[in-house]
Amino acid sequence: NSHWYDVAENLEHTMYREFMATKGKPIFPNVDFY
């Protein structure tokens, strides 16, 4: 069952993409995320 893993990965990828596009630098998950 990859349901929750897929939700988290999509959140992570979107955050990374948007921060790179708007701020020119990435943002990463912290210990609480996964």
Full PDB file with SEQRES, HELIX, SHEET, SSBOND, CRYST1, ORIGX, SCALE, CONECT and MASTER records, all heavy atoms in Angstrom:
SEQRES   1 A   34  ASN SER HIS TRP TYR ASP VAL ALA GLU ASN LEU GLU HIS          
SEQRES   2 A   34  THR MET TYR ARG GLU PHE MET ALA THR LYS GLY LYS PRO          
SEQRES   3 A   34  ILE PHE PRO ASN VAL ASP PHE TYR                              
HELIX    1 AA1 HIS A    3  LYS A   23  1                                  21    
CRYST1    1.000    1.000    1.000  90.00  90.00  90.00 P 1           1          
ORIGX1      1.000000  0.000000  0.000000        0.00000                         
ORIGX2      0.000000  1.000000  0.000000        0.00000                         
ORIGX3      0.000000  0.000000  1.000000        0.00000                         
SCALE1      1.000000  0.000000  0.000000        0.00000                         
SCALE2      0.000000  1.000000  0.000000        0.00000                         
SCALE3      0.000000  0.000000  1.000000        0.00000                         
ATOM      1  N   ASN A   1       0.855  -1.188   0.000  1.00  0.00           N  
ATOM      2  CA  ASN A   1       0.000   0.000   0.000  1.00  0.00           C  
ATOM      3  C   ASN A   1       0.893   1.242   0.000  1.00  0.00           C  
ATOM      4  O   ASN A   1       1.433   1.634   1.035  1.00  0.00           O  
ATOM      5  CB  ASN A   1      -0.904  -0.007   1.239  1.00  0.00           C  
ATOM      6  CG  ASN A   1      -1.702   1.269   1.368  1.00  0.00           C  
ATOM      7  OD1 ASN A   1      -1.847   2.032   0.417  1.00  0.00           O  
ATOM      8  ND2 ASN A   1      -2.221   1.515   2.564  1.00  0.00           N  
ATOM      9  N   SER A   2       1.035   1.864  -1.150  1.00  0.00           N  
ATOM     10  CA  SER A   2       1.915   3.027  -1.275  1.00  0.00           C  
ATOM     11  C   SER A   2       1.170   4.349  -1.074  1.00  0.00           C  
ATOM     12  O   SER A   2       1.739   5.416  -1.312  1.00  0.00           O  
ATOM     13  CB  SER A   2       2.583   3.035  -2.654  1.00  0.00           C  
ATOM     14  OG  SER A   2       1.617   3.236  -3.676  1.00  0.00           O  
ATOM     15  N   HIS A   3      -0.082   4.289  -0.614  1.00  0.00           N  
ATOM     16  CA  HIS A   3      -0.936   5.474  -0.547  1.00  0.00           C  
ATOM     17  C   HIS A   3      -0.271   6.644   0.188  1.00  0.00           C  
ATOM     18  O   HIS A   3      -0.086   7.730  -0.378  1.00  0.00           O  
ATOM     19  CB  HIS A   3      -2.264   5.126   0.127  1.00  0.00           C  
ATOM     20  CG  HIS A   3      -3.162   6.317   0.327  1.00  0.00           C  
ATOM     21  ND1 HIS A   3      -3.943   6.816  -0.687  1.00  0.00           N  
ATOM     22  CD2 HIS A   3      -3.378   7.111   1.406  1.00  0.00           C  
ATOM     23  CE1 HIS A   3      -4.607   7.879  -0.234  1.00  0.00           C  
ATOM     24  NE2 HIS A   3      -4.285   8.071   1.021  1.00  0.00           N  
ATOM     25  N   TRP A   4       0.096   6.444   1.452  1.00  0.00           N  
ATOM     26  CA  TRP A   4       0.634   7.542   2.254  1.00  0.00           C  
ATOM     27  C   TRP A   4       2.017   7.955   1.773  1.00  0.00           C  
ATOM     28  O   TRP A   4       2.365   9.153   1.814  1.00  0.00           O  
ATOM     29  CB  TRP A   4       0.664   7.175   3.734  1.00  0.00           C  
ATOM     30  CG  TRP A   4      -0.700   6.969   4.299  1.00  0.00           C  
ATOM     31  CD1 TRP A   4      -1.237   5.807   4.795  1.00  0.00           C  
ATOM     32  CD2 TRP A   4      -1.741   7.954   4.398  1.00  0.00           C  
ATOM     33  NE1 TRP A   4      -2.536   6.007   5.182  1.00  0.00           N  
ATOM     34  CE2 TRP A   4      -2.874   7.313   4.962  1.00  0.00           C  
ATOM     35  CE3 TRP A   4      -1.835   9.297   4.055  1.00  0.00           C  
ATOM     36  CZ2 TRP A   4      -4.067   7.980   5.200  1.00  0.00           C  
ATOM     37  CZ3 TRP A   4      -3.023   9.975   4.283  1.00  0.00           C  
ATOM     38  CH2 TRP A   4      -4.124   9.318   4.851  1.00  0.00           C  
ATOM     39  N   TYR A   5       2.786   7.001   1.288  1.00  0.00           N  
ATOM     40  CA  TYR A   5       4.106   7.323   0.750  1.00  0.00           C  
ATOM     41  C   TYR A   5       3.976   8.196  -0.492  1.00  0.00           C  
ATOM     42  O   TYR A   5       4.724   9.177  -0.663  1.00  0.00           O  
ATOM     43  CB  TYR A   5       4.867   6.038   0.418  1.00  0.00           C  
ATOM     44  CG  TYR A   5       6.298   6.269  -0.004  1.00  0.00           C  
ATOM     45  CD1 TYR A   5       7.294   6.445   0.951  1.00  0.00           C  
ATOM     46  CD2 TYR A   5       6.642   6.309  -1.348  1.00  0.00           C  
ATOM     47  CE1 TYR A   5       8.607   6.661   0.568  1.00  0.00           C  
ATOM     48  CE2 TYR A   5       7.954   6.530  -1.735  1.00  0.00           C  
ATOM     49  CZ  TYR A   5       8.932   6.709  -0.784  1.00  0.00           C  
ATOM     50  OH  TYR A   5      10.231   6.932  -1.163  1.00  0.00           O  
ATOM     51  N   ASP A   6       3.016   7.869  -1.366  1.00  0.00           N  
ATOM     52  CA  ASP A   6       2.799   8.661  -2.577  1.00  0.00           C  
ATOM     53  C   ASP A   6       2.323  10.073  -2.255  1.00  0.00           C  
ATOM     54  O   ASP A   6       2.752  11.041  -2.890  1.00  0.00           O  
ATOM     55  CB  ASP A   6       1.772   7.969  -3.481  1.00  0.00           C  
ATOM     56  CG  ASP A   6       2.296   6.666  -4.078  1.00  0.00           C  
ATOM     57  OD1 ASP A   6       3.522   6.466  -4.078  1.00  0.00           O  
ATOM     58  OD2 ASP A   6       1.472   5.844  -4.527  1.00  0.00           O  
ATOM     59  N   VAL A   7       1.436  10.197  -1.274  1.00  0.00           N  
ATOM     60  CA  VAL A   7       0.973  11.531  -0.854  1.00  0.00           C  
ATOM     61  C   VAL A   7       2.173  12.365  -0.407  1.00  0.00           C  
ATOM     62  O   VAL A   7       2.343  13.527  -0.806  1.00  0.00           O  
ATOM     63  CB  VAL A   7      -0.058  11.423   0.286  1.00  0.00           C  
ATOM     64  CG1 VAL A   7      -0.371  12.817   0.854  1.00  0.00           C  
ATOM     65  CG2 VAL A   7      -1.349  10.775  -0.207  1.00  0.00           C  
ATOM     66  N   ALA A   8       3.010  11.776   0.436  1.00  0.00           N  
ATOM     67  CA  ALA A   8       4.161  12.497   0.965  1.00  0.00           C  
ATOM     68  C   ALA A   8       5.152  12.873  -0.133  1.00  0.00           C  
ATOM     69  O   ALA A   8       5.672  13.996  -0.161  1.00  0.00           O  
ATOM     70  CB  ALA A   8       4.856  11.649   2.034  1.00  0.00           C  
ATOM     71  N   GLU A   9       5.441  11.945  -1.029  1.00  0.00           N  
ATOM     72  CA  GLU A   9       6.386  12.238  -2.105  1.00  0.00           C  
ATOM     73  C   GLU A   9       5.891  13.369  -2.997  1.00  0.00           C  
ATOM     74  O   GLU A   9       6.669  14.230  -3.413  1.00  0.00           O  
ATOM     75  CB  GLU A   9       6.642  10.985  -2.943  1.00  0.00           C  
ATOM     76  CG  GLU A   9       7.871  10.201  -2.532  1.00  0.00           C  
ATOM     77  CD  GLU A   9       8.514   9.480  -3.697  1.00  0.00           C  
ATOM     78  OE1 GLU A   9       7.774   8.963  -4.560  1.00  0.00           O  
ATOM     79  OE2 GLU A   9       9.765   9.437  -3.754  1.00  0.00           O  
ATOM     80  N   ASN A  10       4.596  13.388  -3.311  1.00  0.00           N  
ATOM     81  CA  ASN A  10       4.055  14.460  -4.138  1.00  0.00           C  
ATOM     82  C   ASN A  10       4.125  15.809  -3.424  1.00  0.00           C  
ATOM     83  O   ASN A  10       4.399  16.842  -4.046  1.00  0.00           O  
ATOM     84  CB  ASN A  10       2.611  14.139  -4.540  1.00  0.00           C  
ATOM     85  CG  ASN A  10       2.548  13.153  -5.697  1.00  0.00           C  
ATOM     86  OD1 ASN A  10       3.566  12.622  -6.113  1.00  0.00           O  
ATOM     87  ND2 ASN A  10       1.357  12.902  -6.215  1.00  0.00           N  
ATOM     88  N   LEU A  11       3.879  15.805  -2.120  1.00  0.00           N  
ATOM     89  CA  LEU A  11       4.034  17.034  -1.346  1.00  0.00           C  
ATOM     90  C   LEU A  11       5.485  17.506  -1.385  1.00  0.00           C  
ATOM     91  O   LEU A  11       5.770  18.694  -1.595  1.00  0.00           O  
ATOM     92  CB  LEU A  11       3.605  16.807   0.105  1.00  0.00           C  
ATOM     93  CG  LEU A  11       2.103  16.650   0.367  1.00  0.00           C  
ATOM     94  CD1 LEU A  11       1.875  16.138   1.791  1.00  0.00           C  
ATOM     95  CD2 LEU A  11       1.371  17.978   0.176  1.00  0.00           C  
ATOM     96  N   GLU A  12       6.417  16.570  -1.169  1.00  0.00           N  
ATOM     97  CA  GLU A  12       7.839  16.907  -1.169  1.00  0.00           C  
ATOM     98  C   GLU A  12       8.277  17.464  -2.523  1.00  0.00           C  
ATOM     99  O   GLU A  12       8.959  18.501  -2.585  1.00  0.00           O  
ATOM    100  CB  GLU A  12       8.671  15.665  -0.830  1.00  0.00           C  
ATOM    101  CG  GLU A  12      10.165  15.929  -0.822  1.00  0.00           C  
ATOM    102  CD  GLU A  12      10.998  14.659  -0.681  1.00  0.00           C  
ATOM    103  OE1 GLU A  12      10.423  13.554  -0.608  1.00  0.00           O  
ATOM    104  OE2 GLU A  12      12.237  14.800  -0.662  1.00  0.00           O  
ATOM    105  N   HIS A  13       7.902  16.796  -3.615  1.00  0.00           N  
ATOM    106  CA  HIS A  13       8.323  17.226  -4.939  1.00  0.00           C  
ATOM    107  C   HIS A  13       7.752  18.600  -5.292  1.00  0.00           C  
ATOM    108  O   HIS A  13       8.453  19.433  -5.886  1.00  0.00           O  
ATOM    109  CB  HIS A  13       7.885  16.193  -5.984  1.00  0.00           C  
ATOM    110  CG  HIS A  13       8.617  14.898  -5.880  1.00  0.00           C  
ATOM    111  ND1 HIS A  13       8.164  13.715  -6.450  1.00  0.00           N  
ATOM    112  CD2 HIS A  13       9.779  14.571  -5.254  1.00  0.00           C  
ATOM    113  CE1 HIS A  13       9.008  12.745  -6.185  1.00  0.00           C  
ATOM    114  NE2 HIS A  13       9.995  13.235  -5.456  1.00  0.00           N  
ATOM    115  N   THR A  14       6.511  18.833  -4.911  1.00  0.00           N  
ATOM    116  CA  THR A  14       5.891  20.129  -5.215  1.00  0.00           C  
ATOM    117  C   THR A  14       6.565  21.244  -4.440  1.00  0.00           C  
ATOM    118  O   THR A  14       6.842  22.326  -4.981  1.00  0.00           O  
ATOM    119  CB  THR A  14       4.382  20.107  -4.897  1.00  0.00           C  
ATOM    120  OG1 THR A  14       3.757  19.020  -5.598  1.00  0.00           O  
ATOM    121  CG2 THR A  14       3.715  21.411  -5.325  1.00  0.00           C  
ATOM    122  N   MET A  15       6.843  21.017  -3.157  1.00  0.00           N  
ATOM    123  CA  MET A  15       7.523  22.021  -2.346  1.00  0.00           C  
ATOM    124  C   MET A  15       8.912  22.329  -2.927  1.00  0.00           C  
ATOM    125  O   MET A  15       9.306  23.496  -3.037  1.00  0.00           O  
ATOM    126  CB  MET A  15       7.650  21.537  -0.902  1.00  0.00           C  
ATOM    127  CG  MET A  15       6.360  21.612  -0.108  1.00  0.00           C  
ATOM    128  SD  MET A  15       5.885  23.314   0.277  1.00  0.00           S  
ATOM    129  CE  MET A  15       7.071  23.711   1.570  1.00  0.00           C  
ATOM    130  N   TYR A  16       9.638  21.302  -3.306  1.00  0.00           N  
ATOM    131  CA  TYR A  16      10.978  21.493  -3.877  1.00  0.00           C  
ATOM    132  C   TYR A  16      10.896  22.332  -5.150  1.00  0.00           C  
ATOM    133  O   TYR A  16      11.646  23.308  -5.323  1.00  0.00           O  
ATOM    134  CB  TYR A  16      11.603  20.127  -4.170  1.00  0.00           C  
ATOM    135  CG  TYR A  16      13.049  20.189  -4.629  1.00  0.00           C  
ATOM    136  CD1 TYR A  16      14.079  20.025  -3.719  1.00  0.00           C  
ATOM    137  CD2 TYR A  16      13.366  20.404  -5.971  1.00  0.00           C  
ATOM    138  CE1 TYR A  16      15.413  20.067  -4.126  1.00  0.00           C  
ATOM    139  CE2 TYR A  16      14.691  20.457  -6.387  1.00  0.00           C  
ATOM    140  CZ  TYR A  16      15.705  20.290  -5.461  1.00  0.00           C  
ATOM    141  OH  TYR A  16      17.007  20.354  -5.874  1.00  0.00           O  
ATOM    142  N   ARG A  17       9.975  21.959  -6.029  1.00  0.00           N  
ATOM    143  CA  ARG A  17       9.831  22.666  -7.307  1.00  0.00           C  
ATOM    144  C   ARG A  17       9.454  24.126  -7.118  1.00  0.00           C  
ATOM    145  O   ARG A  17      10.041  25.021  -7.731  1.00  0.00           O  
ATOM    146  CB  ARG A  17       8.755  21.962  -8.142  1.00  0.00           C  
ATOM    147  CG  ARG A  17       8.552  22.537  -9.542  1.00  0.00           C  
ATOM    148  CD  ARG A  17       7.273  22.005 -10.131  1.00  0.00           C  
ATOM    149  NE  ARG A  17       6.098  22.582  -9.467  1.00  0.00           N  
ATOM    150  CZ  ARG A  17       4.908  21.989  -9.423  1.00  0.00           C  
ATOM    151  NH1 ARG A  17       4.726  20.789  -9.962  1.00  0.00           N  
ATOM    152  NH2 ARG A  17       3.901  22.597  -8.828  1.00  0.00           N  
ATOM    153  N   GLU A  18       8.497  24.384  -6.229  1.00  0.00           N  
ATOM    154  CA  GLU A  18       8.005  25.744  -6.044  1.00  0.00           C  
ATOM    155  C   GLU A  18       9.051  26.639  -5.381  1.00  0.00           C  
ATOM    156  O   GLU A  18       9.187  27.808  -5.731  1.00  0.00           O  
ATOM    157  CB  GLU A  18       6.720  25.731  -5.217  1.00  0.00           C  
ATOM    158  CG  GLU A  18       5.534  25.121  -5.946  1.00  0.00           C  
ATOM    159  CD  GLU A  18       5.235  25.836  -7.250  1.00  0.00           C  
ATOM    160  OE1 GLU A  18       5.112  27.087  -7.228  1.00  0.00           O  
ATOM    161  OE2 GLU A  18       5.146  25.151  -8.299  1.00  0.00           O  
ATOM    162  N   PHE A  19       9.812  26.107  -4.436  1.00  0.00           N  
ATOM    163  CA  PHE A  19      10.840  26.916  -3.796  1.00  0.00           C  
ATOM    164  C   PHE A  19      11.992  27.209  -4.747  1.00  0.00           C  
ATOM    165  O   PHE A  19      12.566  28.305  -4.730  1.00  0.00           O  
ATOM    166  CB  PHE A  19      11.340  26.235  -2.514  1.00  0.00           C  
ATOM    167  CG  PHE A  19      10.591  26.672  -1.288  1.00  0.00           C  
ATOM    168  CD1 PHE A  19       9.280  26.277  -1.077  1.00  0.00           C  
ATOM    169  CD2 PHE A  19      11.186  27.497  -0.351  1.00  0.00           C  
ATOM    170  CE1 PHE A  19       8.569  26.685   0.046  1.00  0.00           C  
ATOM    171  CE2 PHE A  19      10.499  27.919   0.776  1.00  0.00           C  
ATOM    172  CZ  PHE A  19       9.176  27.518   0.972  1.00  0.00           C  
ATOM    173  N   MET A  20      12.322  26.245  -5.599  1.00  0.00           N  
ATOM    174  CA  MET A  20      13.362  26.493  -6.594  1.00  0.00           C  
ATOM    175  C   MET A  20      12.912  27.565  -7.584  1.00  0.00           C  
ATOM    176  O   MET A  20      13.698  28.437  -7.983  1.00  0.00           O  
ATOM    177  CB  MET A  20      13.692  25.200  -7.342  1.00  0.00           C  
ATOM    178  CG  MET A  20      14.498  24.204  -6.529  1.00  0.00           C  
ATOM    179  SD  MET A  20      16.147  24.798  -6.040  1.00  0.00           S  
ATOM    180  CE  MET A  20      16.957  24.923  -7.626  1.00  0.00           C  
ATOM    181  N   ALA A  21      11.643  27.517  -7.950  1.00  0.00           N  
ATOM    182  CA  ALA A  21      11.120  28.459  -8.946  1.00  0.00           C  
ATOM    183  C   ALA A  21      10.965  29.870  -8.387  1.00  0.00           C  
ATOM    184  O   ALA A  21      11.217  30.855  -9.094  1.00  0.00           O  
ATOM    185  CB  ALA A  21       9.779  27.960  -9.478  1.00  0.00           C  
ATOM    186  N   THR A  22      10.563  29.982  -7.132  1.00  0.00           N  
ATOM    187  CA  THR A  22      10.258  31.305  -6.566  1.00  0.00           C  
ATOM    188  C   THR A  22      11.382  31.907  -5.741  1.00  0.00           C  
ATOM    189  O   THR A  22      11.511  33.125  -5.647  1.00  0.00           O  
ATOM    190  CB  THR A  22       8.993  31.225  -5.688  1.00  0.00           C  
ATOM    191  OG1 THR A  22       9.208  30.303  -4.618  1.00  0.00           O  
ATOM    192  CG2 THR A  22       7.791  30.787  -6.523  1.00  0.00           C  
ATOM    193  N   LYS A  23      12.198  31.055  -5.123  1.00  0.00           N  
ATOM    194  CA  LYS A  23      13.251  31.557  -4.236  1.00  0.00           C  
ATOM    195  C   LYS A  23      14.654  31.210  -4.712  1.00  0.00           C  
ATOM    196  O   LYS A  23      15.636  31.675  -4.127  1.00  0.00           O  
ATOM    197  CB  LYS A  23      13.037  31.028  -2.818  1.00  0.00           C  
ATOM    198  CG  LYS A  23      11.691  31.439  -2.206  1.00  0.00           C  
ATOM    199  CD  LYS A  23      11.534  30.923  -0.793  1.00  0.00           C  
ATOM    200  CE  LYS A  23      10.172  31.269  -0.216  1.00  0.00           C  
ATOM    201  NZ  LYS A  23       9.935  32.724  -0.115  1.00  0.00           N  
ATOM    202  N   GLY A  24      14.722  30.375  -5.740  1.00  0.00           N  
ATOM    203  CA  GLY A  24      16.033  30.008  -6.264  1.00  0.00           C  
ATOM    204  C   GLY A  24      16.804  29.045  -5.394  1.00  0.00           C  
ATOM    205  O   GLY A  24      18.006  28.830  -5.606  1.00  0.00           O  
ATOM    206  N   LYS A  25      16.159  28.464  -4.409  1.00  0.00           N  
ATOM    207  CA  LYS A  25      16.803  27.479  -3.554  1.00  0.00           C  
ATOM    208  C   LYS A  25      15.754  26.480  -3.080  1.00  0.00           C  
ATOM    209  O   LYS A  25      14.571  26.813  -2.973  1.00  0.00           O  
ATOM    210  CB  LYS A  25      17.487  28.150  -2.362  1.00  0.00           C  
ATOM    211  CG  LYS A  25      16.554  28.925  -1.457  1.00  0.00           C  
ATOM    212  CD  LYS A  25      17.317  29.575  -0.313  1.00  0.00           C  
ATOM    213  CE  LYS A  25      16.378  30.346   0.623  1.00  0.00           C  
ATOM    214  NZ  LYS A  25      17.112  30.976   1.736  1.00  0.00           N  
ATOM    215  N   PRO A  26      16.188  25.255  -2.790  1.00  0.00           N  
ATOM    216  CA  PRO A  26      15.220  24.227  -2.397  1.00  0.00           C  
ATOM    217  C   PRO A  26      14.833  24.317  -0.928  1.00  0.00           C  
ATOM    218  O   PRO A  26      15.489  24.995  -0.138  1.00  0.00           O  
ATOM    219  CB  PRO A  26      15.973  22.924  -2.670  1.00  0.00           C  
ATOM    220  CG  PRO A  26      17.410  23.289  -2.413  1.00  0.00           C  
ATOM    221  CD  PRO A  26      17.559  24.718  -2.895  1.00  0.00           C  
ATOM    222  N   ILE A  27      13.768  23.628  -0.588  1.00  0.00           N  
ATOM    223  CA  ILE A  27      13.414  23.400   0.809  1.00  0.00           C  
ATOM    224  C   ILE A  27      13.255  21.898   0.984  1.00  0.00           C  
ATOM    225  O   ILE A  27      12.770  21.203   0.072  1.00  0.00           O  
ATOM    226  CB  ILE A  27      12.132  24.154   1.213  1.00  0.00           C  
ATOM    227  CG1 ILE A  27      11.946  24.086   2.742  1.00  0.00           C  
ATOM    228  CG2 ILE A  27      10.898  23.625   0.480  1.00  0.00           C  
ATOM    229  CD1 ILE A  27      10.852  25.018   3.263  1.00  0.00           C  
ATOM    230  N   PHE A  28      13.684  21.380   2.127  1.00  0.00           N  
ATOM    231  CA  PHE A  28      13.717  19.933   2.334  1.00  0.00           C  
ATOM    232  C   PHE A  28      12.788  19.524   3.471  1.00  0.00           C  
ATOM    233  O   PHE A  28      12.501  20.317   4.372  1.00  0.00           O  
ATOM    234  CB  PHE A  28      15.136  19.484   2.657  1.00  0.00           C  
ATOM    235  CG  PHE A  28      16.136  19.793   1.598  1.00  0.00           C  
ATOM    236  CD1 PHE A  28      16.966  20.908   1.695  1.00  0.00           C  
ATOM    237  CD2 PHE A  28      16.270  18.970   0.490  1.00  0.00           C  
ATOM    238  CE1 PHE A  28      17.899  21.198   0.719  1.00  0.00           C  
ATOM    239  CE2 PHE A  28      17.201  19.246  -0.502  1.00  0.00           C  
ATOM    240  CZ  PHE A  28      18.017  20.371  -0.389  1.00  0.00           C  
ATOM    241  N   PRO A  29      12.349  18.261   3.441  1.00  0.00           N  
ATOM    242  CA  PRO A  29      11.569  17.752   4.578  1.00  0.00           C  
ATOM    243  C   PRO A  29      12.430  17.706   5.839  1.00  0.00           C  
ATOM    244  O   PRO A  29      13.644  17.509   5.764  1.00  0.00           O  
ATOM    245  CB  PRO A  29      11.167  16.331   4.155  1.00  0.00           C  
ATOM    246  CG  PRO A  29      11.426  16.255   2.696  1.00  0.00           C  
ATOM    247  CD  PRO A  29      12.519  17.231   2.407  1.00  0.00           C  
ATOM    248  N   ASN A  30      11.812  17.888   6.988  1.00  0.00           N  
ATOM    249  CA  ASN A  30      12.523  17.714   8.247  1.00  0.00           C  
ATOM    250  C   ASN A  30      12.141  16.371   8.862  1.00  0.00           C  
ATOM    251  O   ASN A  30      11.411  15.579   8.252  1.00  0.00           O  
ATOM    252  CB  ASN A  30      12.261  18.887   9.202  1.00  0.00           C  
ATOM    253  CG  ASN A  30      10.783  19.090   9.484  1.00  0.00           C  
ATOM    254  OD1 ASN A  30      10.023  18.128   9.636  1.00  0.00           O  
ATOM    255  ND2 ASN A  30      10.354  20.343   9.559  1.00  0.00           N  
ATOM    256  N   VAL A  31      12.608  16.121  10.063  1.00  0.00           N  
ATOM    257  CA  VAL A  31      12.415  14.817  10.690  1.00  0.00           C  
ATOM    258  C   VAL A  31      10.944  14.452  10.857  1.00  0.00           C  
ATOM    259  O   VAL A  31      10.565  13.274  10.823  1.00  0.00           O  
ATOM    260  CB  VAL A  31      13.137  14.769  12.057  1.00  0.00           C  
ATOM    261  CG1 VAL A  31      12.505  15.731  13.053  1.00  0.00           C  
ATOM    262  CG2 VAL A  31      13.174  13.360  12.624  1.00  0.00           C  
ATOM    263  N   ASP A  32      10.088  15.451  11.023  1.00  0.00           N  
ATOM    264  CA  ASP A  32       8.679  15.170  11.295  1.00  0.00           C  
ATOM    265  C   ASP A  32       7.927  14.666  10.064  1.00  0.00           C  
ATOM    266  O   ASP A  32       6.903  13.995  10.196  1.00  0.00           O  
ATOM    267  CB  ASP A  32       7.985  16.434  11.818  1.00  0.00           C  
ATOM    268  CG  ASP A  32       8.592  16.917  13.113  1.00  0.00           C  
ATOM    269  OD1 ASP A  32       8.658  16.111  14.058  1.00  0.00           O  
ATOM    270  OD2 ASP A  32       9.014  18.081  13.181  1.00  0.00           O  
ATOM    271  N   PHE A  33       8.419  14.994   8.868  1.00  0.00           N  
ATOM    272  CA  PHE A  33       7.641  14.721   7.663  1.00  0.00           C  
ATOM    273  C   PHE A  33       7.478  13.225   7.399  1.00  0.00           C  
ATOM    274  O   PHE A  33       6.363  12.688   7.419  1.00  0.00           O  
ATOM    275  CB  PHE A  33       8.279  15.422   6.462  1.00  0.00           C  
ATOM    276  CG  PHE A  33       7.420  15.378   5.223  1.00  0.00           C  
ATOM    277  CD1 PHE A  33       6.260  16.125   5.149  1.00  0.00           C  
ATOM    278  CD2 PHE A  33       7.772  14.596   4.134  1.00  0.00           C  
ATOM    279  CE1 PHE A  33       5.448  16.087   4.026  1.00  0.00           C  
ATOM    280  CE2 PHE A  33       6.983  14.551   3.000  1.00  0.00           C  
ATOM    281  CZ  PHE A  33       5.822  15.303   2.938  1.00  0.00           C  
ATOM    282  N   TYR A  34       8.578  12.526   7.147  1.00  0.00           N  
ATOM    283  CA  TYR A  34       8.441  11.099   6.835  1.00  0.00           C  
ATOM    284  C   TYR A  34       8.265  10.234   8.087  1.00  0.00           C  
ATOM    285  O   TYR A  34       7.777   9.098   7.989  1.00  0.00           O  
ATOM    286  CB  TYR A  34       9.620  10.617   5.993  1.00  0.00           C  
ATOM    287  CG  TYR A  34       9.421  10.947   4.514  1.00  0.00           C  
ATOM    288  CD1 TYR A  34      10.105  11.995   3.918  1.00  0.00           C  
ATOM    289  CD2 TYR A  34       8.512  10.231   3.738  1.00  0.00           C  
ATOM    290  CE1 TYR A  34       9.911  12.321   2.576  1.00  0.00           C  
ATOM    291  CE2 TYR A  34       8.315  10.541   2.400  1.00  0.00           C  
ATOM    292  CZ  TYR A  34       9.009  11.584   1.822  1.00  0.00           C  
ATOM    293  OH  TYR A  34       8.788  11.897   0.499  1.00  0.00           O  
TER     294      TYR A  34                                                      
MASTER        0    0    0    1    0    0    0    6  293    1    0    3          
END                                                                             
